[in-house]
């Protein structure tokens, strides 16, 4: 009997802790005006994600302002939604926590100011969210201002003395561009004429070496990378006159005291230090406000 009572008490304590966490996190969202990232089931709507602002939270539910929608019919009601967000730590504001919770849309309305409001059911639990390493983000020259590509550089190579396949100047001339990048790879789009010019016929399974520099001006972040990468996929498009090359990072390089190249296998298949840039760029891309018309429900 005592054992059953102790177990019930422990379960009640855990439940109460969870309710406190939910209340605390929702309070942080409101206080910090943190944006919510709402993700929907692709089988229900073709609109996969929306951004919203939590404007109220009580026992009856959460009120979320959706500025990207011009209208919202009752067809949204009952739809399941996953909410993703970031809040700053109360003790150390320089540190952030990332959370997610599951909910459903209970009702919709249009406020007097014309903004769409969703009422979401009160979340039962809030969980820590992890950023998927496979997330890819766009990579223009503001984000990657420097790029050099070689055929695979061997250990001990003199990097500065080895002629590359492409330099940053080639990118400025439109011969190639970085289409997207993740913590574990990147995708290049190369003009077919540029490949012919240097006599390069890429083959899946070949390895190449990259030097690139990443910059995030808003956070005053800057870092250089020297990586080996294997070509995992290739798409030749004669109509567009270009070839898409998908690479997976396999090792990162450094120069020893003799200025010779030393390769080190990647830990967790990710380029060290790149995740901070990918995560920031992913949030920036998502939170660019875009007004969209309704008519996406299927």
C-alpha atoms as a PDB file:
ATOM      1  CA  UNK A   1       0.000   0.000   0.000  1.00  0.00           C
ATOM      2  CA  UNK A   2       2.823   2.379   0.902  1.00  0.00           C
ATOM      3  CA  UNK A   3       4.588   1.545  -2.365  1.00  0.00           C
ATOM      4  CA  UNK A   4       1.469   2.409  -4.379  1.00  0.00           C
ATOM      5  CA  UNK A   5       1.057   5.680  -2.472  1.00  0.00           C
ATOM      6  CA  UNK A   6       4.737   6.586  -3.054  1.00  0.00           C
ATOM      7  CA  UNK A   7       4.430   5.848  -6.771  1.00  0.00           C
ATOM      8  CA  UNK A   8       1.289   7.979  -7.092  1.00  0.00           C
ATOM      9  CA  UNK A   9       2.943  10.803  -5.190  1.00  0.00           C
ATOM     10  CA  UNK A  10       5.993  10.658  -7.497  1.00  0.00           C
ATOM     11  CA  UNK A  11       3.753  10.754 -10.587  1.00  0.00           C
ATOM     12  CA  UNK A  12       1.843  13.740  -9.225  1.00  0.00           C
ATOM     13  CA  UNK A  13       5.121  15.516  -8.504  1.00  0.00           C
ATOM     14  CA  UNK A  14       6.388  14.875 -12.030  1.00  0.00           C
ATOM     15  CA  UNK A  15       3.099  16.115 -13.480  1.00  0.00           C
ATOM     16  CA  UNK A  16       3.261  19.267 -11.380  1.00  0.00           C
ATOM     17  CA  UNK A  17       6.856  19.887 -12.461  1.00  0.00           C
ATOM     18  CA  UNK A  18       5.762  19.558 -16.068  1.00  0.00           C
ATOM     19  CA  UNK A  19       2.896  22.035 -15.563  1.00  0.00           C
ATOM     20  CA  UNK A  20       5.310  24.504 -13.971  1.00  0.00           C
ATOM     21  CA  UNK A  21       7.671  24.147 -16.933  1.00  0.00           C
ATOM     22  CA  UNK A  22       4.843  24.807 -19.390  1.00  0.00           C
ATOM     23  CA  UNK A  23       3.723  27.906 -17.457  1.00  0.00           C
ATOM     24  CA  UNK A  24       7.289  29.174 -17.137  1.00  0.00           C
ATOM     25  CA  UNK A  25       8.134  28.714 -20.804  1.00  0.00           C
ATOM     26  CA  UNK A  26       4.910  30.341 -21.994  1.00  0.00           C
ATOM     27  CA  UNK A  27       5.636  33.273 -19.679  1.00  0.00           C
ATOM     28  CA  UNK A  28       9.111  33.615 -21.224  1.00  0.00           C
ATOM     29  CA  UNK A  29       7.630  33.632 -24.738  1.00  0.00           C
ATOM     30  CA  UNK A  30       5.265  36.444 -23.796  1.00  0.00           C
ATOM     31  CA  UNK A  31       7.868  38.470 -21.905  1.00  0.00           C
ATOM     32  CA  UNK A  32      10.491  38.158 -24.644  1.00  0.00           C
ATOM     33  CA  UNK A  33       8.014  38.472 -27.522  1.00  0.00           C
ATOM     34  CA  UNK A  34       9.588  35.336 -28.970  1.00  0.00           C
ATOM     35  CA  UNK A  35       8.249  34.191 -32.317  1.00  0.00           C
ATOM     36  CA  UNK A  36       6.638  30.793 -32.766  1.00  0.00           C
ATOM     37  CA  UNK A  37       7.323  28.599 -35.748  1.00  0.00           C
ATOM     38  CA  UNK A  38       4.138  26.667 -36.553  1.00  0.00           C
ATOM     39  CA  UNK A  39       4.561  23.468 -38.589  1.00  0.00           C
ATOM     40  CA  UNK A  40       1.636  21.605 -40.128  1.00  0.00           C
ATOM     41  CA  UNK A  41       1.115  18.088 -41.468  1.00  0.00           C
ATOM     42  CA  UNK A  42       1.785  18.069 -45.224  1.00  0.00           C
ATOM     43  CA  UNK A  43      -1.121  15.641 -45.708  1.00  0.00           C
ATOM     44  CA  UNK A  44      -3.548  18.308 -44.498  1.00  0.00           C
ATOM     45  CA  UNK A  45      -2.233  21.542 -46.001  1.00  0.00           C
ATOM     46  CA  UNK A  46       0.347  22.504 -48.606  1.00  0.00           C
ATOM     47  CA  UNK A  47       1.417  25.391 -46.366  1.00  0.00           C
ATOM     48  CA  UNK A  48       4.018  23.688 -44.193  1.00  0.00           C
ATOM     49  CA  UNK A  49       5.084  26.523 -41.877  1.00  0.00           C
ATOM     50  CA  UNK A  50       3.924  29.876 -40.507  1.00  0.00           C
ATOM     51  CA  UNK A  51       5.431  32.278 -38.018  1.00  0.00           C
ATOM     52  CA  UNK A  52       3.338  33.686 -35.197  1.00  0.00           C
ATOM     53  CA  UNK A  53       3.503  35.787 -32.059  1.00  0.00           C
ATOM     54  CA  UNK A  54       2.008  34.623 -28.773  1.00  0.00           C
ATOM     55  CA  UNK A  55      -0.216  37.427 -27.471  1.00  0.00           C
ATOM     56  CA  UNK A  56      -2.054  35.642 -24.670  1.00  0.00           C
ATOM     57  CA  UNK A  57      -2.037  32.454 -22.613  1.00  0.00           C
ATOM     58  CA  UNK A  58      -4.562  31.214 -20.065  1.00  0.00           C
ATOM     59  CA  UNK A  59      -6.350  28.038 -19.021  1.00  0.00           C
ATOM     60  CA  UNK A  60      -8.610  28.170 -22.083  1.00  0.00           C
ATOM     61  CA  UNK A  61      -5.756  28.239 -24.578  1.00  0.00           C
ATOM     62  CA  UNK A  62      -3.112  30.273 -26.371  1.00  0.00           C
ATOM     63  CA  UNK A  63      -3.769  33.232 -28.640  1.00  0.00           C
ATOM     64  CA  UNK A  64      -1.308  33.436 -31.533  1.00  0.00           C
ATOM     65  CA  UNK A  65      -1.138  36.331 -33.986  1.00  0.00           C
ATOM     66  CA  UNK A  66      -0.430  35.176 -37.568  1.00  0.00           C
ATOM     67  CA  UNK A  67       0.725  38.179 -39.589  1.00  0.00           C
ATOM     68  CA  UNK A  68       1.487  36.169 -42.760  1.00  0.00           C
ATOM     69  CA  UNK A  69      -2.180  35.304 -43.395  1.00  0.00           C
ATOM     70  CA  UNK A  70      -4.700  37.777 -44.736  1.00  0.00           C
ATOM     71  CA  UNK A  71      -7.652  35.597 -43.705  1.00  0.00           C
ATOM     72  CA  UNK A  72      -8.350  32.237 -42.088  1.00  0.00           C
ATOM     73  CA  UNK A  73     -11.532  30.233 -42.491  1.00  0.00           C
ATOM     74  CA  UNK A  74     -12.965  27.584 -40.173  1.00  0.00           C
ATOM     75  CA  UNK A  75     -11.176  24.929 -42.243  1.00  0.00           C
ATOM     76  CA  UNK A  76      -8.123  25.520 -40.029  1.00  0.00           C
ATOM     77  CA  UNK A  77     -10.031  24.490 -36.894  1.00  0.00           C
ATOM     78  CA  UNK A  78      -9.020  21.093 -35.536  1.00  0.00           C
ATOM     79  CA  UNK A  79      -5.710  21.072 -37.384  1.00  0.00           C
ATOM     80  CA  UNK A  80      -2.746  19.662 -35.451  1.00  0.00           C
ATOM     81  CA  UNK A  81       0.281  21.923 -35.206  1.00  0.00           C
ATOM     82  CA  UNK A  82       3.819  21.680 -33.846  1.00  0.00           C
ATOM     83  CA  UNK A  83       5.237  24.889 -32.387  1.00  0.00           C
ATOM     84  CA  UNK A  84       8.968  25.571 -32.313  1.00  0.00           C
ATOM     85  CA  UNK A  85      10.597  28.583 -30.615  1.00  0.00           C
ATOM     86  CA  UNK A  86      13.628  30.027 -28.862  1.00  0.00           C
ATOM     87  CA  UNK A  87      13.757  31.836 -25.513  1.00  0.00           C
ATOM     88  CA  UNK A  88      16.700  33.392 -23.707  1.00  0.00           C
ATOM     89  CA  UNK A  89      17.901  31.963 -20.423  1.00  0.00           C
ATOM     90  CA  UNK A  90      16.742  34.022 -17.432  1.00  0.00           C
ATOM     91  CA  UNK A  91      20.078  33.780 -15.620  1.00  0.00           C
ATOM     92  CA  UNK A  92      22.297  34.164 -18.684  1.00  0.00           C
ATOM     93  CA  UNK A  93      20.562  36.070 -21.537  1.00  0.00           C
ATOM     94  CA  UNK A  94      23.450  35.252 -23.882  1.00  0.00           C
ATOM     95  CA  UNK A  95      22.335  31.611 -23.772  1.00  0.00           C
ATOM     96  CA  UNK A  96      19.167  30.401 -25.503  1.00  0.00           C
ATOM     97  CA  UNK A  97      16.853  27.431 -25.023  1.00  0.00           C
ATOM     98  CA  UNK A  98      14.999  25.828 -27.906  1.00  0.00           C
ATOM     99  CA  UNK A  99      11.651  24.186 -27.254  1.00  0.00           C
ATOM    100  CA  UNK A 100       8.752  22.585 -29.066  1.00  0.00           C
ATOM    101  CA  UNK A 101       5.219  21.608 -28.127  1.00  0.00           C
ATOM    102  CA  UNK A 102       2.259  19.975 -29.867  1.00  0.00           C
ATOM    103  CA  UNK A 103      -1.164  21.610 -30.018  1.00  0.00           C
ATOM    104  CA  UNK A 104      -4.244  22.012 -32.194  1.00  0.00           C
ATOM    105  CA  UNK A 105      -6.147  24.991 -33.601  1.00  0.00           C
ATOM    106  CA  UNK A 106      -9.346  25.477 -31.618  1.00  0.00           C
ATOM    107  CA  UNK A 107     -10.648  28.564 -33.423  1.00  0.00           C
ATOM    108  CA  UNK A 108      -9.695  31.392 -35.795  1.00  0.00           C
ATOM    109  CA  UNK A 109     -10.743  35.003 -36.015  1.00  0.00           C
ATOM    110  CA  UNK A 110      -9.704  38.297 -37.561  1.00  0.00           C
ATOM    111  CA  UNK A 111      -8.874  41.038 -35.059  1.00  0.00           C
ATOM    112  CA  UNK A 112     -10.109  44.648 -35.542  1.00  0.00           C
ATOM    113  CA  UNK A 113      -6.626  45.581 -36.795  1.00  0.00           C
ATOM    114  CA  UNK A 114      -6.984  43.007 -39.594  1.00  0.00           C
ATOM    115  CA  UNK A 115      -4.556  40.423 -38.203  1.00  0.00           C
ATOM    116  CA  UNK A 116      -5.487  36.747 -38.099  1.00  0.00           C
ATOM    117  CA  UNK A 117      -5.624  35.158 -34.641  1.00  0.00           C
ATOM    118  CA  UNK A 118      -5.392  31.424 -33.927  1.00  0.00           C
ATOM    119  CA  UNK A 119      -6.530  30.024 -30.594  1.00  0.00           C
ATOM    120  CA  UNK A 120      -4.432  26.955 -29.798  1.00  0.00           C
ATOM    121  CA  UNK A 121      -5.160  24.332 -27.170  1.00  0.00           C
ATOM    122  CA  UNK A 122      -3.070  24.529 -23.994  1.00  0.00           C
ATOM    123  CA  UNK A 123       0.038  22.324 -24.468  1.00  0.00           C
ATOM    124  CA  UNK A 124       0.302  19.347 -22.143  1.00  0.00           C
ATOM    125  CA  UNK A 125       4.079  19.310 -22.242  1.00  0.00           C
ATOM    126  CA  UNK A 126       7.027  21.299 -23.571  1.00  0.00           C
ATOM    127  CA  UNK A 127      10.138  19.508 -24.821  1.00  0.00           C
ATOM    128  CA  UNK A 128      13.633  20.596 -25.723  1.00  0.00           C
ATOM    129  CA  UNK A 129      14.028  20.791 -29.487  1.00  0.00           C
ATOM    130  CA  UNK A 130      17.096  19.795 -31.424  1.00  0.00           C
ATOM    131  CA  UNK A 131      18.067  21.397 -34.713  1.00  0.00           C
ATOM    132  CA  UNK A 132      18.293  18.782 -37.456  1.00  0.00           C
ATOM    133  CA  UNK A 133      21.834  18.624 -38.840  1.00  0.00           C
ATOM    134  CA  UNK A 134      20.383  18.036 -42.305  1.00  0.00           C
ATOM    135  CA  UNK A 135      18.839  21.523 -42.416  1.00  0.00           C
ATOM    136  CA  UNK A 136      20.118  23.312 -45.516  1.00  0.00           C
ATOM    137  CA  UNK A 137      20.138  27.073 -45.949  1.00  0.00           C
ATOM    138  CA  UNK A 138      20.735  29.371 -48.883  1.00  0.00           C
ATOM    139  CA  UNK A 139      24.279  30.639 -49.183  1.00  0.00           C
ATOM    140  CA  UNK A 140      24.867  33.873 -51.088  1.00  0.00           C
ATOM    141  CA  UNK A 141      28.178  35.742 -51.222  1.00  0.00           C
ATOM    142  CA  UNK A 142      27.264  37.795 -48.169  1.00  0.00           C
ATOM    143  CA  UNK A 143      27.206  34.587 -46.124  1.00  0.00           C
ATOM    144  CA  UNK A 144      30.114  32.863 -47.864  1.00  0.00           C
ATOM    145  CA  UNK A 145      32.326  35.658 -49.205  1.00  0.00           C
ATOM    146  CA  UNK A 146      35.279  33.397 -50.032  1.00  0.00           C
ATOM    147  CA  UNK A 147      35.330  30.029 -51.828  1.00  0.00           C
ATOM    148  CA  UNK A 148      38.108  27.937 -53.388  1.00  0.00           C
ATOM    149  CA  UNK A 149      37.714  24.422 -54.821  1.00  0.00           C
ATOM    150  CA  UNK A 150      40.445  21.859 -55.570  1.00  0.00           C
ATOM    151  CA  UNK A 151      40.537  18.237 -56.555  1.00  0.00           C
ATOM    152  CA  UNK A 152      41.219  16.341 -53.337  1.00  0.00           C
ATOM    153  CA  UNK A 153      44.311  17.705 -51.619  1.00  0.00           C
ATOM    154  CA  UNK A 154      46.548  14.951 -50.270  1.00  0.00           C
ATOM    155  CA  UNK A 155      47.957  15.026 -46.704  1.00  0.00           C
ATOM    156  CA  UNK A 156      51.148  17.077 -46.611  1.00  0.00           C
ATOM    157  CA  UNK A 157      50.091  19.203 -49.583  1.00  0.00           C
ATOM    158  CA  UNK A 158      51.189  22.811 -49.956  1.00  0.00           C
ATOM    159  CA  UNK A 159      47.713  24.326 -50.085  1.00  0.00           C
ATOM    160  CA  UNK A 160      48.675  27.834 -51.207  1.00  0.00           C
ATOM    161  CA  UNK A 161      50.933  26.390 -53.919  1.00  0.00           C
ATOM    162  CA  UNK A 162      48.337  24.011 -55.398  1.00  0.00           C
ATOM    163  CA  UNK A 163      46.318  25.455 -58.316  1.00  0.00           C
ATOM    164  CA  UNK A 164      42.577  25.219 -57.630  1.00  0.00           C
ATOM    165  CA  UNK A 165      39.779  24.253 -59.987  1.00  0.00           C
ATOM    166  CA  UNK A 166      37.773  27.334 -59.061  1.00  0.00           C
ATOM    167  CA  UNK A 167      38.537  30.538 -57.211  1.00  0.00           C
ATOM    168  CA  UNK A 168      36.287  33.203 -55.787  1.00  0.00           C
ATOM    169  CA  UNK A 169      36.807  35.201 -58.997  1.00  0.00           C
ATOM    170  CA  UNK A 170      35.055  32.434 -60.954  1.00  0.00           C
ATOM    171  CA  UNK A 171      32.034  32.782 -58.712  1.00  0.00           C
ATOM    172  CA  UNK A 172      32.012  36.548 -59.271  1.00  0.00           C
ATOM    173  CA  UNK A 173      31.988  35.849 -63.040  1.00  0.00           C
ATOM    174  CA  UNK A 174      28.940  33.601 -62.665  1.00  0.00           C
ATOM    175  CA  UNK A 175      30.715  30.334 -63.424  1.00  0.00           C
ATOM    176  CA  UNK A 176      29.513  28.711 -60.202  1.00  0.00           C
ATOM    177  CA  UNK A 177      27.536  29.439 -57.067  1.00  0.00           C
ATOM    178  CA  UNK A 178      26.881  27.837 -53.691  1.00  0.00           C
ATOM    179  CA  UNK A 179      23.226  26.821 -53.881  1.00  0.00           C
ATOM    180  CA  UNK A 180      22.883  25.739 -50.244  1.00  0.00           C
ATOM    181  CA  UNK A 181      24.902  24.506 -47.289  1.00  0.00           C
ATOM    182  CA  UNK A 182      24.385  22.443 -44.138  1.00  0.00           C
ATOM    183  CA  UNK A 183      26.646  21.353 -41.298  1.00  0.00           C
ATOM    184  CA  UNK A 184      27.470  18.186 -43.227  1.00  0.00           C
ATOM    185  CA  UNK A 185      27.726  19.301 -46.846  1.00  0.00           C
ATOM    186  CA  UNK A 186      27.068  21.809 -49.588  1.00  0.00           C
ATOM    187  CA  UNK A 187      25.592  21.985 -53.060  1.00  0.00           C
ATOM    188  CA  UNK A 188      27.342  23.736 -55.954  1.00  0.00           C
ATOM    189  CA  UNK A 189      25.769  24.836 -59.217  1.00  0.00           C
ATOM    190  CA  UNK A 190      28.444  25.016 -61.934  1.00  0.00           C
ATOM    191  CA  UNK A 191      28.037  26.260 -65.494  1.00  0.00           C
ATOM    192  CA  UNK A 192      28.614  23.437 -67.980  1.00  0.00           C
ATOM    193  CA  UNK A 193      30.821  25.753 -70.030  1.00  0.00           C
ATOM    194  CA  UNK A 194      33.020  26.305 -66.954  1.00  0.00           C
ATOM    195  CA  UNK A 195      33.419  22.538 -66.492  1.00  0.00           C
ATOM    196  CA  UNK A 196      34.373  22.125 -70.142  1.00  0.00           C
ATOM    197  CA  UNK A 197      36.798  25.034 -69.889  1.00  0.00           C
ATOM    198  CA  UNK A 198      38.903  23.215 -67.260  1.00  0.00           C
ATOM    199  CA  UNK A 199      38.227  19.734 -68.635  1.00  0.00           C
ATOM    200  CA  UNK A 200      36.418  18.570 -65.502  1.00  0.00           C
ATOM    201  CA  UNK A 201      33.980  15.664 -65.722  1.00  0.00           C
ATOM    202  CA  UNK A 202      32.763  15.104 -62.143  1.00  0.00           C
ATOM    203  CA  UNK A 203      31.946  11.547 -61.097  1.00  0.00           C
ATOM    204  CA  UNK A 204      29.962  10.476 -58.027  1.00  0.00           C
ATOM    205  CA  UNK A 205      32.353   9.130 -55.401  1.00  0.00           C
ATOM    206  CA  UNK A 206      35.217  11.499 -56.209  1.00  0.00           C
ATOM    207  CA  UNK A 207      36.626  13.695 -53.441  1.00  0.00           C
ATOM    208  CA  UNK A 208      37.277  17.417 -53.603  1.00  0.00           C
ATOM    209  CA  UNK A 209      38.713  19.938 -51.170  1.00  0.00           C
ATOM    210  CA  UNK A 210      37.126  23.263 -50.244  1.00  0.00           C
ATOM    211  CA  UNK A 211      38.247  26.422 -48.519  1.00  0.00           C
ATOM    212  CA  UNK A 212      35.443  28.785 -47.612  1.00  0.00           C
ATOM    213  CA  UNK A 213      34.705  31.603 -45.224  1.00  0.00           C
ATOM    214  CA  UNK A 214      31.399  32.148 -43.418  1.00  0.00           C
ATOM    215  CA  UNK A 215      30.192  35.497 -42.104  1.00  0.00           C
ATOM    216  CA  UNK A 216      27.151  36.450 -40.026  1.00  0.00           C
ATOM    217  CA  UNK A 217      27.217  40.229 -39.739  1.00  0.00           C
ATOM    218  CA  UNK A 218      24.351  40.577 -37.253  1.00  0.00           C
ATOM    219  CA  UNK A 219      26.135  38.384 -34.697  1.00  0.00           C
ATOM    220  CA  UNK A 220      29.661  39.572 -35.617  1.00  0.00           C
ATOM    221  CA  UNK A 221      30.555  35.940 -36.422  1.00  0.00           C
ATOM    222  CA  UNK A 222      33.289  34.918 -38.866  1.00  0.00           C
ATOM    223  CA  UNK A 223      35.097  31.625 -39.470  1.00  0.00           C
ATOM    224  CA  UNK A 224      37.155  29.905 -42.187  1.00  0.00           C
ATOM    225  CA  UNK A 225      36.899  26.233 -43.129  1.00  0.00           C
ATOM    226  CA  UNK A 226      39.166  23.830 -45.003  1.00  0.00           C
ATOM    227  CA  UNK A 227      37.322  20.580 -45.681  1.00  0.00           C
ATOM    228  CA  UNK A 228      37.441  17.446 -47.768  1.00  0.00           C
ATOM    229  CA  UNK A 229      34.152  16.393 -49.343  1.00  0.00           C
ATOM    230  CA  UNK A 230      32.948  13.480 -51.431  1.00  0.00           C
ATOM    231  CA  UNK A 231      30.615  14.007 -54.398  1.00  0.00           C
ATOM    232  CA  UNK A 232      27.394  12.179 -53.464  1.00  0.00           C
ATOM    233  CA  UNK A 233      25.028  13.249 -56.235  1.00  0.00           C
ATOM    234  CA  UNK A 234      25.186  14.931 -59.605  1.00  0.00           C
ATOM    235  CA  UNK A 235      22.527  16.378 -61.907  1.00  0.00           C
ATOM    236  CA  UNK A 236      23.508  17.492 -65.395  1.00  0.00           C
ATOM    237  CA  UNK A 237      21.015  19.916 -66.933  1.00  0.00           C
ATOM    238  CA  UNK A 238      21.867  20.685 -70.581  1.00  0.00           C
ATOM    239  CA  UNK A 239      18.776  22.851 -70.995  1.00  0.00           C
ATOM    240  CA  UNK A 240      19.799  25.203 -68.174  1.00  0.00           C
ATOM    241  CA  UNK A 241      23.445  24.836 -69.124  1.00  0.00           C
ATOM    242  CA  UNK A 242      24.539  23.894 -65.611  1.00  0.00           C
ATOM    243  CA  UNK A 243      25.342  20.962 -63.345  1.00  0.00           C
ATOM    244  CA  UNK A 244      24.306  20.569 -59.702  1.00  0.00           C
ATOM    245  CA  UNK A 245      26.902  18.880 -57.485  1.00  0.00           C
ATOM    246  CA  UNK A 246      25.998  17.655 -53.986  1.00  0.00           C
ATOM    247  CA  UNK A 247      28.946  17.148 -51.608  1.00  0.00           C
ATOM    248  CA  UNK A 248      29.230  15.538 -48.168  1.00  0.00           C
ATOM    249  CA  UNK A 249      31.986  16.749 -45.835  1.00  0.00           C
ATOM    250  CA  UNK A 250      34.349  13.963 -44.722  1.00  0.00           C
ATOM    251  CA  UNK A 251      37.342  15.644 -43.035  1.00  0.00           C
ATOM    252  CA  UNK A 252      38.606  19.040 -41.938  1.00  0.00           C
ATOM    253  CA  UNK A 253      42.104  20.311 -42.537  1.00  0.00           C
ATOM    254  CA  UNK A 254      44.717  22.384 -40.756  1.00  0.00           C
ATOM    255  CA  UNK A 255      48.307  23.395 -41.497  1.00  0.00           C
ATOM    256  CA  UNK A 256      51.131  22.029 -39.349  1.00  0.00           C
ATOM    257  CA  UNK A 257      54.220  23.984 -38.309  1.00  0.00           C
ATOM    258  CA  UNK A 258      55.734  23.369 -41.757  1.00  0.00           C
ATOM    259  CA  UNK A 259      52.623  24.816 -43.454  1.00  0.00           C
ATOM    260  CA  UNK A 260      51.658  21.365 -44.711  1.00  0.00           C
ATOM    261  CA  UNK A 261      48.135  20.021 -44.768  1.00  0.00           C
ATOM    262  CA  UNK A 262      46.887  17.630 -42.076  1.00  0.00           C
ATOM    263  CA  UNK A 263      43.422  16.051 -42.378  1.00  0.00           C
ATOM    264  CA  UNK A 264      41.274  15.025 -39.402  1.00  0.00           C
ATOM    265  CA  UNK A 265      38.090  12.929 -39.799  1.00  0.00           C
ATOM    266  CA  UNK A 266      34.944  14.818 -38.898  1.00  0.00           C
ATOM    267  CA  UNK A 267      33.264  14.223 -35.566  1.00  0.00           C
ATOM    268  CA  UNK A 268      29.552  13.457 -35.943  1.00  0.00           C
ATOM    269  CA  UNK A 269      29.971  14.059 -39.714  1.00  0.00           C
ATOM    270  CA  UNK A 270      29.781  17.834 -39.185  1.00  0.00           C
ATOM    271  CA  UNK A 271      32.258  20.623 -39.909  1.00  0.00           C
ATOM    272  CA  UNK A 272      33.320  22.016 -36.538  1.00  0.00           C
ATOM    273  CA  UNK A 273      31.798  25.414 -35.801  1.00  0.00           C
ATOM    274  CA  UNK A 274      29.535  25.530 -38.861  1.00  0.00           C
ATOM    275  CA  UNK A 275      26.354  24.693 -36.920  1.00  0.00           C
ATOM    276  CA  UNK A 276      26.220  28.139 -35.295  1.00  0.00           C
ATOM    277  CA  UNK A 277      26.010  29.779 -38.732  1.00  0.00           C
ATOM    278  CA  UNK A 278      23.513  27.283 -40.173  1.00  0.00           C
ATOM    279  CA  UNK A 279      21.217  27.659 -37.178  1.00  0.00           C
ATOM    280  CA  UNK A 280      21.295  31.451 -37.296  1.00  0.00           C
ATOM    281  CA  UNK A 281      20.731  31.594 -41.068  1.00  0.00           C
ATOM    282  CA  UNK A 282      17.870  29.099 -40.835  1.00  0.00           C
ATOM    283  CA  UNK A 283      16.084  31.276 -38.278  1.00  0.00           C
ATOM    284  CA  UNK A 284      16.705  34.437 -40.300  1.00  0.00           C
ATOM    285  CA  UNK A 285      15.353  32.827 -43.468  1.00  0.00           C
ATOM    286  CA  UNK A 286      12.264  31.554 -41.697  1.00  0.00           C
ATOM    287  CA  UNK A 287      11.432  34.767 -39.895  1.00  0.00           C
ATOM    288  CA  UNK A 288      11.499  36.946 -43.004  1.00  0.00           C
ATOM    289  CA  UNK A 289       7.883  38.024 -43.043  1.00  0.00           C
ATOM    290  CA  UNK A 290       5.982  37.038 -46.183  1.00  0.00           C
ATOM    291  CA  UNK A 291       2.291  37.704 -46.472  1.00  0.00           C
ATOM    292  CA  UNK A 292       0.476  34.834 -48.175  1.00  0.00           C
ATOM    293  CA  UNK A 293      -3.107  34.460 -49.289  1.00  0.00           C
ATOM    294  CA  UNK A 294      -5.310  31.726 -47.980  1.00  0.00           C
ATOM    295  CA  UNK A 295      -6.281  29.011 -50.426  1.00  0.00           C
ATOM    296  CA  UNK A 296      -3.570  26.548 -49.476  1.00  0.00           C
ATOM    297  CA  UNK A 297      -5.778  24.048 -47.715  1.00  0.00           C
ATOM    298  CA  UNK A 298      -6.335  20.819 -49.540  1.00  0.00           C
END
